[in-house]
């Protein structure tokens, strides 16, 4: 029985570098409308208003200063 060829790290790295990144253009075109609506609702649930983020950051910074 012949020995199996060994893949080297360089071969794997070269193979990965030659692959093209997935195309994102039009990736949502085939998604059903009801699913797009559900995605939009989830985005709303996880969106934090800018003012709230500023408040969170200020509080975080003040807690870090107290720790010194």
C-alpha atoms as a PDB file:
ATOM      1  CA  UNK A   1       0.000   0.000   0.000  1.00  0.00           C
ATOM      2  CA  UNK A   2       1.417   3.390  -1.028  1.00  0.00           C
ATOM      3  CA  UNK A   3       1.760   6.094   1.645  1.00  0.00           C
ATOM      4  CA  UNK A   4      -0.819   8.845   1.560  1.00  0.00           C
ATOM      5  CA  UNK A   5       0.428  12.282   0.502  1.00  0.00           C
ATOM      6  CA  UNK A   6       0.733  14.756   3.340  1.00  0.00           C
ATOM      7  CA  UNK A   7      -0.853  18.188   3.005  1.00  0.00           C
ATOM      8  CA  UNK A   8       1.464  20.909   4.125  1.00  0.00           C
ATOM      9  CA  UNK A   9       0.466  24.122   5.831  1.00  0.00           C
ATOM     10  CA  UNK A  10       1.706  26.078   2.799  1.00  0.00           C
ATOM     11  CA  UNK A  11      -0.615  24.107   0.506  1.00  0.00           C
ATOM     12  CA  UNK A  12      -3.605  24.758   2.753  1.00  0.00           C
ATOM     13  CA  UNK A  13      -2.728  28.452   3.110  1.00  0.00           C
ATOM     14  CA  UNK A  14      -2.334  28.824  -0.660  1.00  0.00           C
ATOM     15  CA  UNK A  15      -5.643  27.062  -1.264  1.00  0.00           C
ATOM     16  CA  UNK A  16      -7.446  29.383   1.174  1.00  0.00           C
ATOM     17  CA  UNK A  17      -5.856  32.485  -0.342  1.00  0.00           C
ATOM     18  CA  UNK A  18      -6.948  31.504  -3.842  1.00  0.00           C
ATOM     19  CA  UNK A  19     -10.605  31.260  -2.874  1.00  0.00           C
ATOM     20  CA  UNK A  20     -12.748  34.260  -3.656  1.00  0.00           C
ATOM     21  CA  UNK A  21     -14.865  35.738  -0.856  1.00  0.00           C
ATOM     22  CA  UNK A  22     -18.582  35.002  -1.152  1.00  0.00           C
ATOM     23  CA  UNK A  23     -20.519  37.523  -3.181  1.00  0.00           C
ATOM     24  CA  UNK A  24     -22.888  39.593  -1.073  1.00  0.00           C
ATOM     25  CA  UNK A  25     -24.544  41.375  -4.004  1.00  0.00           C
ATOM     26  CA  UNK A  26     -28.209  40.446  -4.175  1.00  0.00           C
ATOM     27  CA  UNK A  27     -27.881  37.916  -1.377  1.00  0.00           C
ATOM     28  CA  UNK A  28     -31.262  38.886   0.102  1.00  0.00           C
ATOM     29  CA  UNK A  29     -33.072  38.892  -3.246  1.00  0.00           C
ATOM     30  CA  UNK A  30     -34.350  35.347  -2.854  1.00  0.00           C
ATOM     31  CA  UNK A  31     -35.483  35.689   0.772  1.00  0.00           C
ATOM     32  CA  UNK A  32     -39.282  35.497   1.137  1.00  0.00           C
ATOM     33  CA  UNK A  33     -41.030  38.753   2.062  1.00  0.00           C
ATOM     34  CA  UNK A  34     -42.428  37.429   5.350  1.00  0.00           C
ATOM     35  CA  UNK A  35     -38.948  36.379   6.445  1.00  0.00           C
ATOM     36  CA  UNK A  36     -37.559  39.816   5.541  1.00  0.00           C
ATOM     37  CA  UNK A  37     -40.258  41.356   7.730  1.00  0.00           C
ATOM     38  CA  UNK A  38     -39.295  39.097  10.628  1.00  0.00           C
ATOM     39  CA  UNK A  39     -35.633  40.020  10.164  1.00  0.00           C
ATOM     40  CA  UNK A  40     -36.560  43.719  10.248  1.00  0.00           C
ATOM     41  CA  UNK A  41     -38.460  43.173  13.514  1.00  0.00           C
ATOM     42  CA  UNK A  42     -35.457  41.416  15.065  1.00  0.00           C
ATOM     43  CA  UNK A  43     -33.186  44.258  13.962  1.00  0.00           C
ATOM     44  CA  UNK A  44     -35.500  46.712  15.740  1.00  0.00           C
ATOM     45  CA  UNK A  45     -35.377  44.620  18.924  1.00  0.00           C
ATOM     46  CA  UNK A  46     -31.572  44.624  18.966  1.00  0.00           C
ATOM     47  CA  UNK A  47     -31.032  48.246  17.926  1.00  0.00           C
ATOM     48  CA  UNK A  48     -29.907  50.568  20.716  1.00  0.00           C
ATOM     49  CA  UNK A  49     -30.511  54.316  20.268  1.00  0.00           C
ATOM     50  CA  UNK A  50     -27.420  56.528  20.123  1.00  0.00           C
ATOM     51  CA  UNK A  51     -28.328  58.437  23.290  1.00  0.00           C
ATOM     52  CA  UNK A  52     -28.720  55.203  25.248  1.00  0.00           C
ATOM     53  CA  UNK A  53     -25.319  54.007  24.009  1.00  0.00           C
ATOM     54  CA  UNK A  54     -23.743  57.288  25.125  1.00  0.00           C
ATOM     55  CA  UNK A  55     -25.295  56.846  28.583  1.00  0.00           C
ATOM     56  CA  UNK A  56     -23.970  53.286  28.796  1.00  0.00           C
ATOM     57  CA  UNK A  57     -20.470  54.358  27.767  1.00  0.00           C
ATOM     58  CA  UNK A  58     -20.425  57.226  30.283  1.00  0.00           C
ATOM     59  CA  UNK A  59     -21.521  54.889  33.059  1.00  0.00           C
ATOM     60  CA  UNK A  60     -18.929  52.305  32.039  1.00  0.00           C
ATOM     61  CA  UNK A  61     -16.187  54.935  32.032  1.00  0.00           C
ATOM     62  CA  UNK A  62     -17.208  56.214  35.469  1.00  0.00           C
ATOM     63  CA  UNK A  63     -17.158  52.650  36.854  1.00  0.00           C
ATOM     64  CA  UNK A  64     -13.656  52.163  35.437  1.00  0.00           C
ATOM     65  CA  UNK A  65     -12.477  55.381  37.086  1.00  0.00           C
ATOM     66  CA  UNK A  66     -13.854  54.235  40.444  1.00  0.00           C
ATOM     67  CA  UNK A  67     -11.787  51.059  40.145  1.00  0.00           C
ATOM     68  CA  UNK A  68      -8.464  52.947  40.179  1.00  0.00           C
END
